[in-house]
Amino acid sequence: LVAHITRGGNTHYDSSVAGRFTISRDNAKNTVYLQMNSLKPE
């Protein structure tokens, strides 16, 4: 698991990506996003 988001927007991140990745969602579009910054080879 990399990241998780509830219907209401509560989020959880794996420690390896916390601070670098951001999960979000648009309920009207039934879409979830993952913004990944400072990417590493791992």
All heavy atoms as atom14 arrays in JSON, in Angstrom:
{
  "sequence": "LVAHITRGGNTHYDSSVAGRFTISRDNAKNTVYLQMNSLKPE",
  "atom14_mask": [
    [1, 1, 1, 1, 1, 1, 1, 1, 0, 0, 0, 0, 0, 0],
    [1, 1, 1, 1, 1, 1, 1, 0, 0, 0, 0, 0, 0, 0],
    [1, 1, 1, 1, 1, 0, 0, 0, 0, 0, 0, 0, 0, 0],
    [1, 1, 1, 1, 1, 1, 1, 1, 1, 1, 0, 0, 0, 0],
    [1, 1, 1, 1, 1, 1, 1, 1, 0, 0, 0, 0, 0, 0],
    [1, 1, 1, 1, 1, 1, 1, 0, 0, 0, 0, 0, 0, 0],
    [1, 1, 1, 1, 1, 1, 1, 1, 1, 1, 1, 0, 0, 0],
    [1, 1, 1, 1, 0, 0, 0, 0, 0, 0, 0, 0, 0, 0],
    [1, 1, 1, 1, 0, 0, 0, 0, 0, 0, 0, 0, 0, 0],
    [1, 1, 1, 1, 1, 1, 1, 1, 0, 0, 0, 0, 0, 0],
    [1, 1, 1, 1, 1, 1, 1, 0, 0, 0, 0, 0, 0, 0],
    [1, 1, 1, 1, 1, 1, 1, 1, 1, 1, 0, 0, 0, 0],
    [1, 1, 1, 1, 1, 1, 1, 1, 1, 1, 1, 1, 0, 0],
    [1, 1, 1, 1, 1, 1, 1, 1, 0, 0, 0, 0, 0, 0],
    [1, 1, 1, 1, 1, 1, 0, 0, 0, 0, 0, 0, 0, 0],
    [1, 1, 1, 1, 1, 1, 0, 0, 0, 0, 0, 0, 0, 0],
    [1, 1, 1, 1, 1, 1, 1, 0, 0, 0, 0, 0, 0, 0],
    [1, 1, 1, 1, 1, 0, 0, 0, 0, 0, 0, 0, 0, 0],
    [1, 1, 1, 1, 0, 0, 0, 0, 0, 0, 0, 0, 0, 0],
    [1, 1, 1, 1, 1, 1, 1, 1, 1, 1, 1, 0, 0, 0],
    [1, 1, 1, 1, 1, 1, 1, 1, 1, 1, 1, 0, 0, 0],
    [1, 1, 1, 1, 1, 1, 1, 0, 0, 0, 0, 0, 0, 0],
    [1, 1, 1, 1, 1, 1, 1, 1, 0, 0, 0, 0, 0, 0],
    [1, 1, 1, 1, 1, 1, 0, 0, 0, 0, 0, 0, 0, 0],
    [1, 1, 1, 1, 1, 1, 1, 1, 1, 1, 1, 0, 0, 0],
    [1, 1, 1, 1, 1, 1, 1, 1, 0, 0, 0, 0, 0, 0],
    [1, 1, 1, 1, 1, 1, 1, 1, 0, 0, 0, 0, 0, 0],
    [1, 1, 1, 1, 1, 0, 0, 0, 0, 0, 0, 0, 0, 0],
    [1, 1, 1, 1, 1, 1, 1, 1, 1, 0, 0, 0, 0, 0],
    [1, 1, 1, 1, 1, 1, 1, 1, 0, 0, 0, 0, 0, 0],
    [1, 1, 1, 1, 1, 1, 1, 0, 0, 0, 0, 0, 0, 0],
    [1, 1, 1, 1, 1, 1, 1, 0, 0, 0, 0, 0, 0, 0],
    [1, 1, 1, 1, 1, 1, 1, 1, 1, 1, 1, 1, 0, 0],
    [1, 1, 1, 1, 1, 1, 1, 1, 0, 0, 0, 0, 0, 0],
    [1, 1, 1, 1, 1, 1, 1, 1, 1, 0, 0, 0, 0, 0],
    [1, 1, 1, 1, 1, 1, 1, 1, 0, 0, 0, 0, 0, 0],
    [1, 1, 1, 1, 1, 1, 1, 1, 0, 0, 0, 0, 0, 0],
    [1, 1, 1, 1, 1, 1, 0, 0, 0, 0, 0, 0, 0, 0],
    [1, 1, 1, 1, 1, 1, 1, 1, 0, 0, 0, 0, 0, 0],
    [1, 1, 1, 1, 1, 1, 1, 1, 1, 0, 0, 0, 0, 0],
    [1, 1, 1, 1, 1, 1, 1, 0, 0, 0, 0, 0, 0, 0],
    [1, 1, 1, 1, 1, 1, 1, 1, 1, 0, 0, 0, 0, 0]
  ],
  "atom14_positions": [
    [[0.84, -1.19, 0.0], [0.0, 0.0, 0.0], [0.88, 1.24, 0.0], [1.77, 1.38, 0.83], [-0.92, 0.0, 1.22], [-1.78, 1.24, 1.41], [-2.83, 1.33, 0.3], [-2.46, 1.23, 2.76], [0.0, 0.0, 0.0], [0.0, 0.0, 0.0], [0.0, 0.0, 0.0], [0.0, 0.0, 0.0], [0.0, 0.0, 0.0], [0.0, 0.0, 0.0]],
    [[0.6, 2.14, -0.93], [1.32, 3.4, -1.01], [0.56, 4.5, -0.28], [1.13, 5.23, 0.54], [1.56, 3.81, -2.48], [2.23, 5.18, -2.56], [2.39, 2.76, -3.2], [0.0, 0.0, 0.0], [0.0, 0.0, 0.0], [0.0, 0.0, 0.0], [0.0, 0.0, 0.0], [0.0, 0.0, 0.0], [0.0, 0.0, 0.0], [0.0, 0.0, 0.0]],
    [[-0.71, 4.65, -0.59], [-1.54, 5.67, 0.02], [-3.0, 5.26, -0.06], [-3.39, 4.5, -0.94], [-1.33, 7.03, -0.66], [0.0, 0.0, 0.0], [0.0, 0.0, 0.0], [0.0, 0.0, 0.0], [0.0, 0.0, 0.0], [0.0, 0.0, 0.0], [0.0, 0.0, 0.0], [0.0, 0.0, 0.0], [0.0, 0.0, 0.0], [0.0, 0.0, 0.0]],
    [[-3.78, 5.81, 0.83], [-5.18, 5.44, 0.99], [-5.96, 6.69, 1.37], [-5.47, 7.54, 2.12], [-5.27, 4.36, 2.09], [-6.63, 4.03, 2.58], [-7.25, 4.74, 3.58], [-7.48, 3.03, 2.23], [-8.43, 4.2, 3.83], [-8.59, 3.16, 3.02], [0.0, 0.0, 0.0], [0.0, 0.0, 0.0], [0.0, 0.0, 0.0], [0.0, 0.0, 0.0]],
    [[-7.19, 6.8, 0.84], [-8.02, 7.96, 1.16], [-9.47, 7.51, 1.32], [-9.99, 6.74, 0.51], [-7.87, 9.07, 0.09], [-8.64, 10.32, 0.5], [-8.3, 8.56, -1.29], [-8.31, 11.54, -0.36], [0.0, 0.0, 0.0], [0.0, 0.0, 0.0], [0.0, 0.0, 0.0], [0.0, 0.0, 0.0], [0.0, 0.0, 0.0], [0.0, 0.0, 0.0]],
    [[-10.12, 7.98, 2.36], [-11.52, 7.64, 2.61], [-12.43, 8.53, 1.79], [-12.0, 9.5, 1.17], [-11.86, 7.78, 4.09], [-11.81, 9.16, 4.46], [-10.91, 6.97, 4.96], [0.0, 0.0, 0.0], [0.0, 0.0, 0.0], [0.0, 0.0, 0.0], [0.0, 0.0, 0.0], [0.0, 0.0, 0.0], [0.0, 0.0, 0.0], [0.0, 0.0, 0.0]],
    [[-13.71, 8.22, 1.8], [-14.69, 9.02, 1.09], [-14.66, 10.47, 1.56], [-14.83, 11.4, 0.77], [-16.09, 8.44, 1.29], [-17.17, 9.12, 0.47], [-18.57, 8.72, 0.92], [-18.74, 7.28, 0.98], [-18.85, 6.59, 2.11], [-18.8, 7.21, 3.28], [-19.03, 5.28, 2.07], [0.0, 0.0, 0.0], [0.0, 0.0, 0.0], [0.0, 0.0, 0.0]],
    [[-14.44, 10.66, 2.86], [-14.42, 11.99, 3.43], [-13.1, 12.71, 3.35], [-12.99, 13.86, 3.8], [0.0, 0.0, 0.0], [0.0, 0.0, 0.0], [0.0, 0.0, 0.0], [0.0, 0.0, 0.0], [0.0, 0.0, 0.0], [0.0, 0.0, 0.0], [0.0, 0.0, 0.0], [0.0, 0.0, 0.0], [0.0, 0.0, 0.0], [0.0, 0.0, 0.0]],
    [[-12.07, 12.06, 2.8], [-10.8, 12.72, 2.59], [-9.72, 12.43, 3.62], [-8.65, 13.04, 3.57], [0.0, 0.0, 0.0], [0.0, 0.0, 0.0], [0.0, 0.0, 0.0], [0.0, 0.0, 0.0], [0.0, 0.0, 0.0], [0.0, 0.0, 0.0], [0.0, 0.0, 0.0], [0.0, 0.0, 0.0], [0.0, 0.0, 0.0], [0.0, 0.0, 0.0]],
    [[-9.95, 11.52, 4.54], [-8.92, 11.12, 5.49], [-7.86, 10.29, 4.76], [-8.2, 9.36, 4.03], [-9.52, 10.32, 6.63], [-8.54, 10.06, 7.74], [-7.74, 10.92, 8.1], [-8.59, 8.86, 8.31], [0.0, 0.0, 0.0], [0.0, 0.0, 0.0], [0.0, 0.0, 0.0], [0.0, 0.0, 0.0], [0.0, 0.0, 0.0], [0.0, 0.0, 0.0]],
    [[-6.59, 10.62, 4.96], [-5.52, 9.98, 4.2], [-4.55, 9.2, 5.07], [-4.41, 9.46, 6.27], [-4.72, 11.02, 3.39], [-4.15, 11.98, 4.29], [-5.62, 11.73, 2.4], [0.0, 0.0, 0.0], [0.0, 0.0, 0.0], [0.0, 0.0, 0.0], [0.0, 0.0, 0.0], [0.0, 0.0, 0.0], [0.0, 0.0, 0.0], [0.0, 0.0, 0.0]],
    [[-3.89, 8.26, 4.45], [-2.86, 7.45, 5.08], [-1.76, 7.22, 4.05], [-2.04, 6.97, 2.88], [-3.43, 6.11, 5.55], [-2.39, 5.11, 5.93], [-1.81, 5.08, 7.18], [-1.81, 4.1, 5.23], [-0.92, 4.11, 7.22], [-0.9, 3.5, 6.05], [0.0, 0.0, 0.0], [0.0, 0.0, 0.0], [0.0, 0.0, 0.0], [0.0, 0.0, 0.0]],
    [[-0.5, 7.28, 4.49], [0.64, 7.06, 3.61], [1.6, 6.05, 4.2], [1.81, 6.02, 5.42], [1.4, 8.36, 3.37], [0.6, 9.44, 2.7], [-0.1, 10.38, 3.45], [0.55, 9.52, 1.31], [-0.84, 11.36, 2.82], [-0.19, 10.51, 0.69], [-0.88, 11.43, 1.45], [-1.62, 12.41, 0.82], [0.0, 0.0, 0.0], [0.0, 0.0, 0.0]],
    [[2.19, 5.26, 3.33], [3.3, 4.44, 3.77], [4.46, 5.35, 4.15], [4.66, 6.41, 3.53], [3.72, 3.48, 2.66], [4.83, 2.55, 3.1], [4.54, 1.55, 3.78], [6.0, 2.83, 2.76], [0.0, 0.0, 0.0], [0.0, 0.0, 0.0], [0.0, 0.0, 0.0], [0.0, 0.0, 0.0], [0.0, 0.0, 0.0], [0.0, 0.0, 0.0]],
    [[5.22, 4.94, 5.14], [6.31, 5.79, 5.63], [7.35, 6.1, 4.55], [8.01, 7.14, 4.6], [6.99, 5.14, 6.83], [7.55, 3.88, 6.49], [0.0, 0.0, 0.0], [0.0, 0.0, 0.0], [0.0, 0.0, 0.0], [0.0, 0.0, 0.0], [0.0, 0.0, 0.0], [0.0, 0.0, 0.0], [0.0, 0.0, 0.0], [0.0, 0.0, 0.0]],
    [[7.49, 5.22, 3.57], [8.48, 5.41, 2.52], [8.13, 6.55, 1.57], [9.01, 7.03, 0.85], [8.67, 4.12, 1.73], [7.5, 3.79, 1.0], [0.0, 0.0, 0.0], [0.0, 0.0, 0.0], [0.0, 0.0, 0.0], [0.0, 0.0, 0.0], [0.0, 0.0, 0.0], [0.0, 0.0, 0.0], [0.0, 0.0, 0.0], [0.0, 0.0, 0.0]],
    [[6.87, 6.97, 1.54], [6.45, 8.02, 0.61], [5.89, 9.24, 1.31], [5.65, 10.27, 0.66], [5.42, 7.5, -0.41], [5.96, 6.26, -1.14], [4.09, 7.18, 0.27], [0.0, 0.0, 0.0], [0.0, 0.0, 0.0], [0.0, 0.0, 0.0], [0.0, 0.0, 0.0], [0.0, 0.0, 0.0], [0.0, 0.0, 0.0], [0.0, 0.0, 0.0]],
    [[5.66, 9.15, 2.61], [5.11, 10.28, 3.35], [6.0, 11.51, 3.18], [7.22, 11.44, 3.31], [4.97, 9.92, 4.82], [0.0, 0.0, 0.0], [0.0, 0.0, 0.0], [0.0, 0.0, 0.0], [0.0, 0.0, 0.0], [0.0, 0.0, 0.0], [0.0, 0.0, 0.0], [0.0, 0.0, 0.0], [0.0, 0.0, 0.0], [0.0, 0.0, 0.0]],
    [[5.37, 12.64, 2.89], [6.1, 13.87, 2.67], [6.49, 14.1, 1.23], [6.85, 15.23, 0.86], [0.0, 0.0, 0.0], [0.0, 0.0, 0.0], [0.0, 0.0, 0.0], [0.0, 0.0, 0.0], [0.0, 0.0, 0.0], [0.0, 0.0, 0.0], [0.0, 0.0, 0.0], [0.0, 0.0, 0.0], [0.0, 0.0, 0.0], [0.0, 0.0, 0.0]],
    [[6.44, 13.06, 0.41], [6.76, 13.18, -1.02], [5.55, 13.0, -1.91], [5.45, 13.64, -2.96], [7.83, 12.17, -1.41], [9.15, 12.33, -0.67], [10.23, 11.42, -1.25], [9.89, 10.01, -1.1], [9.75, 9.15, -2.11], [9.93, 9.56, -3.36], [9.44, 7.88, -1.88], [0.0, 0.0, 0.0], [0.0, 0.0, 0.0], [0.0, 0.0, 0.0]],
    [[4.64, 12.12, -1.51], [3.45, 11.82, -2.31], [2.21, 12.42, -1.64], [2.14, 12.53, -0.41], [3.23, 10.31, -2.42], [4.26, 9.56, -3.24], [5.42, 10.17, -3.69], [4.04, 8.23, -3.57], [6.36, 9.47, -4.44], [4.97, 7.52, -4.31], [6.12, 8.14, -4.75], [0.0, 0.0, 0.0], [0.0, 0.0, 0.0], [0.0, 0.0, 0.0]],
    [[1.23, 12.77, -2.45], [-0.04, 13.28, -1.97], [-1.18, 12.6, -2.7], [-1.23, 12.62, -3.93], [-0.16, 14.8, -2.16], [0.92, 15.46, -1.49], [-1.48, 15.31, -1.59], [0.0, 0.0, 0.0], [0.0, 0.0, 0.0], [0.0, 0.0, 0.0], [0.0, 0.0, 0.0], [0.0, 0.0, 0.0], [0.0, 0.0, 0.0], [0.0, 0.0, 0.0]],
    [[-2.09, 11.99, -1.94], [-3.27, 11.38, -2.53], [-4.45, 12.32, -2.37], [-4.59, 13.0, -1.35], [-3.56, 10.0, -1.89], [-4.66, 9.27, -2.67], [-3.91, 10.12, -0.42], [-4.83, 7.81, -2.26], [0.0, 0.0, 0.0], [0.0, 0.0, 0.0], [0.0, 0.0, 0.0], [0.0, 0.0, 0.0], [0.0, 0.0, 0.0], [0.0, 0.0, 0.0]],
    [[-5.3, 12.38, -3.39], [-6.49, 13.22, -3.34], [-7.57, 12.56, -4.18], [-7.31, 11.6, -4.91], [-6.19, 14.64, -3.84], [-5.75, 14.62, -5.19], [0.0, 0.0, 0.0], [0.0, 0.0, 0.0], [0.0, 0.0, 0.0], [0.0, 0.0, 0.0], [0.0, 0.0, 0.0], [0.0, 0.0, 0.0], [0.0, 0.0, 0.0], [0.0, 0.0, 0.0]],
    [[-8.79, 13.08, -4.09], [-9.88, 12.51, -4.86], [-10.89, 13.57, -5.24], [-11.03, 14.6, -4.56], [-10.57, 11.37, -4.1], [-11.27, 11.79, -2.82], [-11.7, 10.58, -2.0], [-12.79, 9.84, -2.62], [-13.2, 8.63, -2.23], [-12.58, 8.02, -1.23], [-14.21, 8.04, -2.84], [0.0, 0.0, 0.0], [0.0, 0.0, 0.0], [0.0, 0.0, 0.0]],
    [[-11.6, 13.31, -6.32], [-12.68, 14.14, -6.78], [-13.91, 13.25, -6.85], [-14.07, 12.47, -7.79], [-12.37, 14.75, -8.15], [-13.42, 15.72, -8.63], [-14.57, 15.66, -8.16], [-13.09, 16.57, -9.48], [0.0, 0.0, 0.0], [0.0, 0.0, 0.0], [0.0, 0.0, 0.0], [0.0, 0.0, 0.0], [0.0, 0.0, 0.0], [0.0, 0.0, 0.0]],
    [[-14.75, 13.32, -5.84], [-15.9, 12.42, -5.75], [-16.89, 12.63, -6.9], [-17.55, 11.69, -7.33], [-16.6, 12.59, -4.41], [-15.77, 12.06, -3.25], [-14.9, 11.22, -3.43], [-16.05, 12.57, -2.06], [0.0, 0.0, 0.0], [0.0, 0.0, 0.0], [0.0, 0.0, 0.0], [0.0, 0.0, 0.0], [0.0, 0.0, 0.0], [0.0, 0.0, 0.0]],
    [[-17.01, 13.86, -7.38], [-17.92, 14.14, -8.48], [-17.48, 13.45, -9.76], [-18.31, 13.15, -10.62], [-18.04, 15.64, -8.7], [0.0, 0.0, 0.0], [0.0, 0.0, 0.0], [0.0, 0.0, 0.0], [0.0, 0.0, 0.0], [0.0, 0.0, 0.0], [0.0, 0.0, 0.0], [0.0, 0.0, 0.0], [0.0, 0.0, 0.0], [0.0, 0.0, 0.0]],
    [[-16.18, 13.21, -9.9], [-15.64, 12.57, -11.09], [-15.24, 11.12, -10.86], [-14.7, 10.47, -11.76], [-14.43, 13.35, -11.6], [-14.76, 14.75, -12.08], [-13.54, 15.43, -12.67], [-13.88, 16.83, -13.16], [-14.85, 16.78, -14.28], [0.0, 0.0, 0.0], [0.0, 0.0, 0.0], [0.0, 0.0, 0.0], [0.0, 0.0, 0.0], [0.0, 0.0, 0.0]],
    [[-15.48, 10.6, -9.65], [-15.11, 9.23, -9.31], [-13.64, 8.95, -9.62], [-13.29, 7.91, -10.17], [-16.0, 8.22, -10.05], [-17.45, 8.28, -9.6], [-17.74, 8.58, -8.45], [-18.36, 7.99, -10.51], [0.0, 0.0, 0.0], [0.0, 0.0, 0.0], [0.0, 0.0, 0.0], [0.0, 0.0, 0.0], [0.0, 0.0, 0.0], [0.0, 0.0, 0.0]],
    [[-12.8, 9.89, -9.24], [-11.39, 9.82, -9.6], [-10.51, 10.04, -8.37], [-10.81, 10.88, -7.53], [-11.06, 10.87, -10.66], [-11.84, 10.62, -11.84], [-9.58, 10.83, -11.04], [0.0, 0.0, 0.0], [0.0, 0.0, 0.0], [0.0, 0.0, 0.0], [0.0, 0.0, 0.0], [0.0, 0.0, 0.0], [0.0, 0.0, 0.0], [0.0, 0.0, 0.0]],
    [[-9.43, 9.27, -8.3], [-8.42, 9.44, -7.28], [-7.09, 9.75, -7.96], [-6.81, 9.26, -9.06], [-8.31, 8.19, -6.38], [-7.85, 6.96, -7.18], [-7.38, 8.44, -5.21], [0.0, 0.0, 0.0], [0.0, 0.0, 0.0], [0.0, 0.0, 0.0], [0.0, 0.0, 0.0], [0.0, 0.0, 0.0], [0.0, 0.0, 0.0], [0.0, 0.0, 0.0]],
    [[-6.28, 10.59, -7.31], [-5.01, 11.03, -7.86], [-3.87, 10.7, -6.9], [-4.06, 10.58, -5.7], [-5.01, 12.54, -8.09], [-6.16, 13.05, -8.92], [-7.32, 13.51, -8.32], [-6.09, 13.06, -10.31], [-8.38, 13.97, -9.07], [-7.14, 13.52, -11.07], [-8.29, 13.98, -10.45], [-9.34, 14.43, -11.21], [0.0, 0.0, 0.0], [0.0, 0.0, 0.0]],
    [[-2.69, 10.58, -7.46], [-1.49, 10.43, -6.65], [-0.42, 11.35, -7.23], [0.13, 11.08, -8.3], [-0.99, 8.99, -6.63], [0.19, 8.72, -5.69], [-0.23, 8.89, -4.24], [0.77, 7.33, -5.92], [0.0, 0.0, 0.0], [0.0, 0.0, 0.0], [0.0, 0.0, 0.0], [0.0, 0.0, 0.0], [0.0, 0.0, 0.0], [0.0, 0.0, 0.0]],
    [[-0.14, 12.44, -6.54], [0.92, 13.35, -6.93], [2.22, 12.84, -6.31], [2.32, 12.72, -5.09], [0.63, 14.77, -6.45], [1.73, 15.78, -6.77], [1.89, 16.02, -8.24], [0.89, 16.24, -8.93], [3.11, 15.99, -8.74], [0.0, 0.0, 0.0], [0.0, 0.0, 0.0], [0.0, 0.0, 0.0], [0.0, 0.0, 0.0], [0.0, 0.0, 0.0]],
    [[3.2, 12.55, -7.15], [4.45, 11.98, -6.7], [5.58, 12.97, -6.98], [5.87, 13.28, -8.14], [4.73, 10.65, -7.39], [3.61, 9.62, -7.21], [4.02, 8.0, -7.9], [4.1, 8.42, -9.65], [0.0, 0.0, 0.0], [0.0, 0.0, 0.0], [0.0, 0.0, 0.0], [0.0, 0.0, 0.0], [0.0, 0.0, 0.0], [0.0, 0.0, 0.0]],
    [[6.21, 13.47, -5.94], [7.31, 14.4, -6.05], [8.58, 13.78, -5.49], [8.54, 12.8, -4.75], [7.0, 15.7, -5.29], [5.8, 16.43, -5.83], [5.54, 16.42, -7.04], [5.07, 17.09, -4.95], [0.0, 0.0, 0.0], [0.0, 0.0, 0.0], [0.0, 0.0, 0.0], [0.0, 0.0, 0.0], [0.0, 0.0, 0.0], [0.0, 0.0, 0.0]],
    [[9.71, 14.38, -5.83], [11.01, 13.92, -5.34], [11.18, 12.42, -5.54], [11.6, 11.69, -4.63], [11.19, 14.29, -3.86], [11.08, 15.68, -3.67], [0.0, 0.0, 0.0], [0.0, 0.0, 0.0], [0.0, 0.0, 0.0], [0.0, 0.0, 0.0], [0.0, 0.0, 0.0], [0.0, 0.0, 0.0], [0.0, 0.0, 0.0], [0.0, 0.0, 0.0]],
    [[10.88, 11.96, -6.73], [10.9, 10.53, -7.01], [12.3, 9.95, -6.91], [13.29, 10.6, -7.27], [10.3, 10.26, -8.38], [8.77, 10.33, -8.43], [8.29, 10.5, -9.86], [8.17, 9.07, -7.81], [0.0, 0.0, 0.0], [0.0, 0.0, 0.0], [0.0, 0.0, 0.0], [0.0, 0.0, 0.0], [0.0, 0.0, 0.0], [0.0, 0.0, 0.0]],
    [[12.35, 8.72, -6.42], [13.6, 7.99, -6.24], [13.58, 6.72, -7.07], [12.51, 6.2, -7.38], [13.78, 7.63, -4.76], [13.72, 8.8, -3.8], [13.77, 8.31, -2.36], [13.69, 9.47, -1.39], [13.74, 9.01, 0.02], [0.0, 0.0, 0.0], [0.0, 0.0, 0.0], [0.0, 0.0, 0.0], [0.0, 0.0, 0.0], [0.0, 0.0, 0.0]],
    [[14.74, 6.17, -7.42], [14.76, 4.92, -8.17], [13.97, 3.8, -7.48], [13.37, 2.97, -8.17], [16.25, 4.58, -8.25], [16.92, 5.92, -8.24], [16.1, 6.74, -7.29], [0.0, 0.0, 0.0], [0.0, 0.0, 0.0], [0.0, 0.0, 0.0], [0.0, 0.0, 0.0], [0.0, 0.0, 0.0], [0.0, 0.0, 0.0], [0.0, 0.0, 0.0]],
    [[13.97, 3.78, -6.17], [13.25, 2.75, -5.45], [11.73, 2.89, -5.53], [11.0, 2.01, -5.09], [13.68, 2.69, -3.97], [13.68, 4.03, -3.28], [15.06, 4.68, -3.26], [15.74, 4.69, -4.3], [15.45, 5.19, -2.19], [0.0, 0.0, 0.0], [0.0, 0.0, 0.0], [0.0, 0.0, 0.0], [0.0, 0.0, 0.0], [0.0, 0.0, 0.0]]
  ]
}
